[in-house]
Amino acid sequence: MEKQKLFPIFSKGIIKENPVLKLVLGTCPALAVTTSAFNGLGMGVAATVVLLGSNVVISLLRKVIPPQVRIPAFITIIAGFVTVVQFLVKALAPALDATLGIYLPLIVVNCIILGRAEAYAKDNPVLYSALDGLGMGVGFTAALFLMGAIRELIGSGTLLGLTIAANWITPMTILLLPPGGFFVFGMLVMVVNKYSKYQARKLECASCPIAEVCDPNALQEKQNGGDDSCKPS
């Protein structure tokens, strides 16, 4: 029963409440650094480490931090983790640090991290807060990696630096520019919203007691695990 409660806390940040594609948070780094899949992955992992660490610490201190100064306290905690991550990236991946530039220290003011601290970590136990931060971080990383992969593959014909499509398609370099970032972001938001609506309709019809009245085929679909629509005849 405990596992059934823990998994939704983690998984909600991947698609259902994806911070970039559903909540539209953290779009500045999402658009700026995703000119390649590697950059998106690096930015996502860095933000995930900060998100996980800050959620855990804020949850541990939730009964100690006075409500009147909680925002400054949260920002101080987040800034501490960002400083550690920035030093690690500088030491272990200097090329990535140079590419991410100012967006790495700006994780401090990333609204995803402060938002999870304010909306979840300050009111929940450590394990739940850690899973929430990890799930949101995975969703953020997945969105950035996907955006970077699409822009890099179509924009330069490579993926993670490996030549994939440059020999058989003409690279569309506009995808490496800001307009291309907005285009890919919009397309991904559309796909995720369509998928969410499909899942919602499927769940509604699966639990509908009169689904067979709405649609003669709905009863069988309901027995087979649900339908994606319930259209009046």
C-alpha atoms as a PDB file:
ATOM      1  CA  MET A   1       0.000   0.000   0.000  1.00  0.00           C
ATOM      2  CA  GLU A   2       2.911   2.292   0.767  1.00  0.00           C
ATOM      3  CA  LYS A   3       4.405   1.662  -2.687  1.00  0.00           C
ATOM      4  CA  GLN A   4       1.074   2.512  -4.305  1.00  0.00           C
ATOM      5  CA  LYS A   5       1.201   5.882  -2.560  1.00  0.00           C
ATOM      6  CA  LEU A   6       4.869   6.591  -3.278  1.00  0.00           C
ATOM      7  CA  PHE A   7       4.888   5.927  -7.013  1.00  0.00           C
ATOM      8  CA  PRO A   8       2.270   8.591  -7.936  1.00  0.00           C
ATOM      9  CA  ILE A   9       4.270  11.182  -5.980  1.00  0.00           C
ATOM     10  CA  PHE A  10       7.310  10.399  -8.114  1.00  0.00           C
ATOM     11  CA  SER A  11       5.601   9.847 -11.477  1.00  0.00           C
ATOM     12  CA  LYS A  12       3.356  12.926 -11.522  1.00  0.00           C
ATOM     13  CA  GLY A  13       6.266  15.180 -12.470  1.00  0.00           C
ATOM     14  CA  ILE A  14       7.153  13.157 -15.560  1.00  0.00           C
ATOM     15  CA  ILE A  15       4.023  13.763 -17.668  1.00  0.00           C
ATOM     16  CA  LYS A  16       0.930  14.642 -15.628  1.00  0.00           C
ATOM     17  CA  GLU A  17       2.580  17.676 -13.990  1.00  0.00           C
ATOM     18  CA  ASN A  18       5.691  18.000 -16.122  1.00  0.00           C
ATOM     19  CA  PRO A  19       7.186  21.309 -14.989  1.00  0.00           C
ATOM     20  CA  VAL A  20       8.098  22.460 -18.508  1.00  0.00           C
ATOM     21  CA  LEU A  21       5.485  20.941 -20.803  1.00  0.00           C
ATOM     22  CA  LYS A  22       2.452  21.042 -18.488  1.00  0.00           C
ATOM     23  CA  LEU A  23       3.111  23.716 -15.862  1.00  0.00           C
ATOM     24  CA  VAL A  24       5.195  25.862 -18.254  1.00  0.00           C
ATOM     25  CA  LEU A  25       7.852  26.609 -15.633  1.00  0.00           C
ATOM     26  CA  GLY A  26      11.574  26.972 -16.212  1.00  0.00           C
ATOM     27  CA  THR A  27      11.045  27.844 -19.867  1.00  0.00           C
ATOM     28  CA  CYS A  28      13.965  30.305 -20.004  1.00  0.00           C
ATOM     29  CA  PRO A  29      16.714  27.661 -19.636  1.00  0.00           C
ATOM     30  CA  ALA A  30      14.564  25.184 -21.575  1.00  0.00           C
ATOM     31  CA  LEU A  31      14.631  27.446 -24.621  1.00  0.00           C
ATOM     32  CA  ALA A  32      18.136  28.825 -24.184  1.00  0.00           C
ATOM     33  CA  VAL A  33      20.315  25.770 -23.563  1.00  0.00           C
ATOM     34  CA  THR A  34      18.580  23.074 -25.617  1.00  0.00           C
ATOM     35  CA  THR A  35      20.545  23.640 -28.823  1.00  0.00           C
ATOM     36  CA  SER A  36      21.899  20.129 -28.249  1.00  0.00           C
ATOM     37  CA  ALA A  37      20.782  17.034 -26.387  1.00  0.00           C
ATOM     38  CA  PHE A  38      23.918  17.047 -24.229  1.00  0.00           C
ATOM     39  CA  ASN A  39      23.311  20.613 -23.055  1.00  0.00           C
ATOM     40  CA  GLY A  40      19.706  19.812 -22.188  1.00  0.00           C
ATOM     41  CA  LEU A  41      20.748  16.677 -20.318  1.00  0.00           C
ATOM     42  CA  GLY A  42      23.459  18.525 -18.383  1.00  0.00           C
ATOM     43  CA  MET A  43      21.139  21.358 -17.395  1.00  0.00           C
ATOM     44  CA  GLY A  44      18.420  18.897 -16.375  1.00  0.00           C
ATOM     45  CA  VAL A  45      20.738  16.797 -14.207  1.00  0.00           C
ATOM     46  CA  ALA A  46      22.145  19.895 -12.496  1.00  0.00           C
ATOM     47  CA  ALA A  47      18.652  21.196 -11.727  1.00  0.00           C
ATOM     48  CA  THR A  48      17.570  17.745 -10.518  1.00  0.00           C
ATOM     49  CA  VAL A  49      20.439  17.556  -8.016  1.00  0.00           C
ATOM     50  CA  VAL A  50      19.535  20.999  -6.666  1.00  0.00           C
ATOM     51  CA  LEU A  51      15.834  20.176  -6.583  1.00  0.00           C
ATOM     52  CA  LEU A  52      16.338  16.896  -4.750  1.00  0.00           C
ATOM     53  CA  GLY A  53      18.783  18.325  -2.229  1.00  0.00           C
ATOM     54  CA  SER A  54      16.794  21.469  -1.476  1.00  0.00           C
ATOM     55  CA  ASN A  55      13.544  19.524  -1.084  1.00  0.00           C
ATOM     56  CA  VAL A  56      15.145  17.163   1.417  1.00  0.00           C
ATOM     57  CA  VAL A  57      16.772  19.929   3.488  1.00  0.00           C
ATOM     58  CA  ILE A  58      13.680  22.137   3.470  1.00  0.00           C
ATOM     59  CA  SER A  59      11.527  19.190   4.525  1.00  0.00           C
ATOM     60  CA  LEU A  60      13.947  18.419   7.376  1.00  0.00           C
ATOM     61  CA  LEU A  61      13.827  22.047   8.539  1.00  0.00           C
ATOM     62  CA  ARG A  62      10.132  22.662   7.888  1.00  0.00           C
ATOM     63  CA  LYS A  63       9.315  22.858  11.598  1.00  0.00           C
ATOM     64  CA  VAL A  64      12.319  25.057  12.370  1.00  0.00           C
ATOM     65  CA  ILE A  65      12.115  27.750   9.687  1.00  0.00           C
ATOM     66  CA  PRO A  66       9.767  30.569  10.797  1.00  0.00           C
ATOM     67  CA  PRO A  67       6.950  31.165   8.284  1.00  0.00           C
ATOM     68  CA  GLN A  68       7.783  34.872   8.132  1.00  0.00           C
ATOM     69  CA  VAL A  69      11.240  34.222   6.609  1.00  0.00           C
ATOM     70  CA  ARG A  70      10.607  30.980   4.753  1.00  0.00           C
ATOM     71  CA  ILE A  71      11.215  32.406   1.244  1.00  0.00           C
ATOM     72  CA  PRO A  72      14.640  33.930   2.075  1.00  0.00           C
ATOM     73  CA  ALA A  73      15.529  30.710   3.899  1.00  0.00           C
ATOM     74  CA  PHE A  74      14.475  28.584   0.920  1.00  0.00           C
ATOM     75  CA  ILE A  75      16.514  30.717  -1.483  1.00  0.00           C
ATOM     76  CA  THR A  76      19.571  30.480   0.781  1.00  0.00           C
ATOM     77  CA  ILE A  77      19.311  26.679   0.897  1.00  0.00           C
ATOM     78  CA  ILE A  78      18.820  26.468  -2.866  1.00  0.00           C
ATOM     79  CA  ALA A  79      21.759  28.821  -3.470  1.00  0.00           C
ATOM     80  CA  GLY A  80      23.994  26.581  -1.369  1.00  0.00           C
ATOM     81  CA  PHE A  81      23.199  23.545  -3.505  1.00  0.00           C
ATOM     82  CA  VAL A  82      23.584  25.558  -6.724  1.00  0.00           C
ATOM     83  CA  THR A  83      27.055  26.672  -5.622  1.00  0.00           C
ATOM     84  CA  VAL A  84      28.093  23.066  -4.972  1.00  0.00           C
ATOM     85  CA  VAL A  85      26.707  21.909  -8.330  1.00  0.00           C
ATOM     86  CA  GLN A  86      28.380  24.793 -10.157  1.00  0.00           C
ATOM     87  CA  PHE A  87      31.790  23.938  -8.669  1.00  0.00           C
ATOM     88  CA  LEU A  88      31.325  20.267  -9.571  1.00  0.00           C
ATOM     89  CA  VAL A  89      30.412  21.103 -13.160  1.00  0.00           C
ATOM     90  CA  LYS A  90      33.383  23.467 -13.459  1.00  0.00           C
ATOM     91  CA  ALA A  91      35.717  20.733 -12.207  1.00  0.00           C
ATOM     92  CA  LEU A  92      34.258  17.701 -14.004  1.00  0.00           C
ATOM     93  CA  ALA A  93      32.754  19.164 -17.196  1.00  0.00           C
ATOM     94  CA  PRO A  94      34.317  22.548 -17.997  1.00  0.00           C
ATOM     95  CA  ALA A  95      32.995  22.453 -21.577  1.00  0.00           C
ATOM     96  CA  LEU A  96      29.434  22.032 -20.294  1.00  0.00           C
ATOM     97  CA  ASP A  97      29.994  24.828 -17.783  1.00  0.00           C
ATOM     98  CA  ALA A  98      31.119  27.153 -20.564  1.00  0.00           C
ATOM     99  CA  THR A  99      28.100  26.219 -22.691  1.00  0.00           C
ATOM    100  CA  LEU A 100      25.512  26.643 -19.956  1.00  0.00           C
ATOM    101  CA  GLY A 101      27.091  29.909 -18.855  1.00  0.00           C
ATOM    102  CA  ILE A 102      24.882  32.150 -16.737  1.00  0.00           C
ATOM    103  CA  TYR A 103      21.993  29.677 -16.783  1.00  0.00           C
ATOM    104  CA  LEU A 104      23.783  27.373 -14.352  1.00  0.00           C
ATOM    105  CA  PRO A 105      23.950  29.856 -11.436  1.00  0.00           C
ATOM    106  CA  LEU A 106      20.473  31.084 -12.385  1.00  0.00           C
ATOM    107  CA  ILE A 107      19.114  27.744 -11.164  1.00  0.00           C
ATOM    108  CA  VAL A 108      18.862  29.624  -7.860  1.00  0.00           C
ATOM    109  CA  VAL A 109      15.843  31.536  -9.163  1.00  0.00           C
ATOM    110  CA  ASN A 110      14.366  28.679 -11.178  1.00  0.00           C
ATOM    111  CA  CYS A 111      10.671  28.813 -10.314  1.00  0.00           C
ATOM    112  CA  ILE A 112      10.388  25.009 -10.440  1.00  0.00           C
ATOM    113  CA  ILE A 113      12.744  24.596  -7.482  1.00  0.00           C
ATOM    114  CA  LEU A 114      11.329  27.382  -5.344  1.00  0.00           C
ATOM    115  CA  GLY A 115       7.809  26.344  -6.331  1.00  0.00           C
ATOM    116  CA  ARG A 116       8.272  22.746  -5.129  1.00  0.00           C
ATOM    117  CA  ALA A 117       9.805  24.005  -1.889  1.00  0.00           C
ATOM    118  CA  GLU A 118       6.833  26.293  -1.255  1.00  0.00           C
ATOM    119  CA  ALA A 119       4.094  24.000  -2.564  1.00  0.00           C
ATOM    120  CA  TYR A 120       5.306  20.636  -1.299  1.00  0.00           C
ATOM    121  CA  ALA A 121       8.538  20.267   0.687  1.00  0.00           C
ATOM    122  CA  LYS A 122       7.618  22.674   3.486  1.00  0.00           C
ATOM    123  CA  ASP A 123       4.482  20.655   4.308  1.00  0.00           C
ATOM    124  CA  ASN A 124       5.537  17.017   3.751  1.00  0.00           C
ATOM    125  CA  PRO A 125       7.925  14.409   5.206  1.00  0.00           C
ATOM    126  CA  VAL A 126      11.418  13.886   3.842  1.00  0.00           C
ATOM    127  CA  LEU A 127      10.715  10.753   1.786  1.00  0.00           C
ATOM    128  CA  TYR A 128       7.714  12.275   0.033  1.00  0.00           C
ATOM    129  CA  SER A 129       9.597  15.514  -0.604  1.00  0.00           C
ATOM    130  CA  ALA A 130      12.582  13.621  -2.010  1.00  0.00           C
ATOM    131  CA  LEU A 131      10.358  11.645  -4.382  1.00  0.00           C
ATOM    132  CA  ASP A 132       8.538  14.808  -5.426  1.00  0.00           C
ATOM    133  CA  GLY A 133      11.816  16.580  -6.163  1.00  0.00           C
ATOM    134  CA  LEU A 134      13.256  13.584  -7.990  1.00  0.00           C
ATOM    135  CA  GLY A 135      10.134  13.135 -10.114  1.00  0.00           C
ATOM    136  CA  MET A 136       9.986  16.811 -11.045  1.00  0.00           C
ATOM    137  CA  GLY A 137      13.696  16.737 -11.836  1.00  0.00           C
ATOM    138  CA  VAL A 138      13.311  13.696 -14.082  1.00  0.00           C
ATOM    139  CA  GLY A 139      10.424  15.389 -15.882  1.00  0.00           C
ATOM    140  CA  PHE A 140      12.457  18.581 -16.311  1.00  0.00           C
ATOM    141  CA  THR A 141      15.469  16.624 -17.578  1.00  0.00           C
ATOM    142  CA  ALA A 142      13.360  14.565 -19.979  1.00  0.00           C
ATOM    143  CA  ALA A 143      11.744  17.678 -21.450  1.00  0.00           C
ATOM    144  CA  LEU A 144      15.096  19.438 -21.949  1.00  0.00           C
ATOM    145  CA  PHE A 145      16.761  16.350 -23.382  1.00  0.00           C
ATOM    146  CA  LEU A 146      13.881  15.765 -25.809  1.00  0.00           C
ATOM    147  CA  MET A 147      13.887  19.394 -26.934  1.00  0.00           C
ATOM    148  CA  GLY A 148      17.657  19.344 -27.350  1.00  0.00           C
ATOM    149  CA  ALA A 149      17.611  16.039 -29.235  1.00  0.00           C
ATOM    150  CA  ILE A 150      14.985  17.247 -31.714  1.00  0.00           C
ATOM    151  CA  ARG A 151      16.709  20.585 -32.302  1.00  0.00           C
ATOM    152  CA  GLU A 152      20.152  19.008 -32.662  1.00  0.00           C
ATOM    153  CA  LEU A 153      19.015  16.149 -34.897  1.00  0.00           C
ATOM    154  CA  ILE A 154      17.055  18.301 -37.333  1.00  0.00           C
ATOM    155  CA  GLY A 155      19.137  21.447 -36.958  1.00  0.00           C
ATOM    156  CA  SER A 156      22.591  19.930 -37.418  1.00  0.00           C
ATOM    157  CA  GLY A 157      22.019  16.259 -38.260  1.00  0.00           C
ATOM    158  CA  THR A 158      23.782  15.010 -35.128  1.00  0.00           C
ATOM    159  CA  LEU A 159      22.723  13.550 -31.791  1.00  0.00           C
ATOM    160  CA  LEU A 160      24.957  13.786 -28.730  1.00  0.00           C
ATOM    161  CA  GLY A 161      27.728  14.840 -31.101  1.00  0.00           C
ATOM    162  CA  LEU A 162      27.373  11.772 -33.350  1.00  0.00           C
ATOM    163  CA  THR A 163      26.509  12.264 -37.013  1.00  0.00           C
ATOM    164  CA  ILE A 164      23.077  10.704 -37.558  1.00  0.00           C
ATOM    165  CA  ALA A 165      21.105  12.454 -40.281  1.00  0.00           C
ATOM    166  CA  ALA A 166      23.477  15.016 -41.767  1.00  0.00           C
ATOM    167  CA  ASN A 167      24.306  12.717 -44.703  1.00  0.00           C
ATOM    168  CA  TRP A 168      20.733  12.208 -45.906  1.00  0.00           C
ATOM    169  CA  ILE A 169      18.841  15.370 -44.935  1.00  0.00           C
ATOM    170  CA  THR A 170      19.688  19.021 -45.218  1.00  0.00           C
ATOM    171  CA  PRO A 171      20.006  20.384 -41.646  1.00  0.00           C
ATOM    172  CA  MET A 172      17.427  23.054 -40.794  1.00  0.00           C
ATOM    173  CA  THR A 173      19.660  25.411 -38.862  1.00  0.00           C
ATOM    174  CA  ILE A 174      16.702  27.582 -37.857  1.00  0.00           C
ATOM    175  CA  LEU A 175      15.932  24.999 -35.172  1.00  0.00           C
ATOM    176  CA  LEU A 176      19.195  25.939 -33.471  1.00  0.00           C
ATOM    177  CA  LEU A 177      18.041  29.551 -33.258  1.00  0.00           C
ATOM    178  CA  PRO A 178      15.503  31.019 -30.774  1.00  0.00           C
ATOM    179  CA  PRO A 179      12.529  30.699 -33.205  1.00  0.00           C
ATOM    180  CA  GLY A 180      13.304  27.001 -33.593  1.00  0.00           C
ATOM    181  CA  GLY A 181      13.340  26.589 -29.828  1.00  0.00           C
ATOM    182  CA  PHE A 182       9.901  28.165 -29.519  1.00  0.00           C
ATOM    183  CA  PHE A 183       8.591  25.966 -32.344  1.00  0.00           C
ATOM    184  CA  VAL A 184       9.825  22.700 -30.809  1.00  0.00           C
ATOM    185  CA  PHE A 185       8.596  23.776 -27.371  1.00  0.00           C
ATOM    186  CA  GLY A 186       5.126  24.533 -28.742  1.00  0.00           C
ATOM    187  CA  MET A 187       4.916  21.215 -30.590  1.00  0.00           C
ATOM    188  CA  LEU A 188       5.901  19.241 -27.491  1.00  0.00           C
ATOM    189  CA  VAL A 189       3.377  21.127 -25.330  1.00  0.00           C
ATOM    190  CA  MET A 190       0.679  20.296 -27.889  1.00  0.00           C
ATOM    191  CA  VAL A 191       1.582  16.581 -27.930  1.00  0.00           C
ATOM    192  CA  VAL A 192       1.618  16.320 -24.119  1.00  0.00           C
ATOM    193  CA  ASN A 193      -1.728  18.140 -23.818  1.00  0.00           C
ATOM    194  CA  LYS A 194      -3.290  15.859 -26.450  1.00  0.00           C
ATOM    195  CA  TYR A 195      -1.992  12.805 -24.609  1.00  0.00           C
ATOM    196  CA  SER A 196      -3.296  14.093 -21.264  1.00  0.00           C
ATOM    197  CA  LYS A 197      -6.762  14.714 -22.716  1.00  0.00           C
ATOM    198  CA  TYR A 198      -6.767  11.254 -24.314  1.00  0.00           C
ATOM    199  CA  GLN A 199      -5.881   9.625 -20.983  1.00  0.00           C
ATOM    200  CA  ALA A 200      -8.550  11.659 -19.169  1.00  0.00           C
ATOM    201  CA  ARG A 201     -11.286  10.661 -21.642  1.00  0.00           C
ATOM    202  CA  LYS A 202     -10.168   7.058 -21.485  1.00  0.00           C
ATOM    203  CA  LEU A 203     -10.400   7.050 -17.693  1.00  0.00           C
ATOM    204  CA  GLU A 204     -13.824   8.748 -17.710  1.00  0.00           C
ATOM    205  CA  CYS A 205     -15.348   6.272 -20.163  1.00  0.00           C
ATOM    206  CA  ALA A 206     -13.787   3.302 -18.381  1.00  0.00           C
ATOM    207  CA  SER A 207     -15.613   4.273 -15.180  1.00  0.00           C
ATOM    208  CA  CYS A 208     -18.838   5.456 -16.847  1.00  0.00           C
ATOM    209  CA  PRO A 209     -21.834   3.230 -15.891  1.00  0.00           C
ATOM    210  CA  ILE A 210     -23.740   4.115 -19.071  1.00  0.00           C
ATOM    211  CA  ALA A 211     -20.870   4.042 -21.543  1.00  0.00           C
ATOM    212  CA  GLU A 212     -22.690   1.433 -23.628  1.00  0.00           C
ATOM    213  CA  VAL A 213     -25.621   3.842 -24.071  1.00  0.00           C
ATOM    214  CA  CYS A 214     -23.367   6.610 -25.373  1.00  0.00           C
ATOM    215  CA  ASP A 215     -21.604   4.334 -27.836  1.00  0.00           C
ATOM    216  CA  PRO A 216     -22.483   0.717 -28.760  1.00  0.00           C
ATOM    217  CA  ASN A 217     -18.773  -0.075 -28.900  1.00  0.00           C
ATOM    218  CA  ALA A 218     -18.010   1.541 -25.550  1.00  0.00           C
ATOM    219  CA  LEU A 219     -19.112  -1.435 -23.437  1.00  0.00           C
ATOM    220  CA  GLN A 220     -16.608  -3.737 -25.077  1.00  0.00           C
ATOM    221  CA  GLU A 221     -13.914  -1.071 -24.899  1.00  0.00           C
ATOM    222  CA  LYS A 222     -14.743  -0.580 -21.221  1.00  0.00           C
ATOM    223  CA  GLN A 223     -14.295  -4.298 -20.599  1.00  0.00           C
ATOM    224  CA  ASN A 224     -11.013  -4.229 -22.516  1.00  0.00           C
ATOM    225  CA  GLY A 225      -9.584  -1.436 -20.395  1.00  0.00           C
ATOM    226  CA  GLY A 226     -11.361   1.720 -21.442  1.00  0.00           C
ATOM    227  CA  ASP A 227     -11.974   3.851 -24.519  1.00  0.00           C
ATOM    228  CA  ASP A 228     -10.567   7.180 -25.586  1.00  0.00           C
ATOM    229  CA  SER A 229     -13.919   8.759 -26.269  1.00  0.00           C
ATOM    230  CA  CYS A 230     -17.551   8.596 -25.294  1.00  0.00           C
ATOM    231  CA  LYS A 231     -19.508  10.159 -28.123  1.00  0.00           C
ATOM    232  CA  PRO A 232     -23.302  10.486 -28.067  1.00  0.00           C
ATOM    233  CA  SER A 233     -24.884   8.660 -31.006  1.00  0.00           C
END
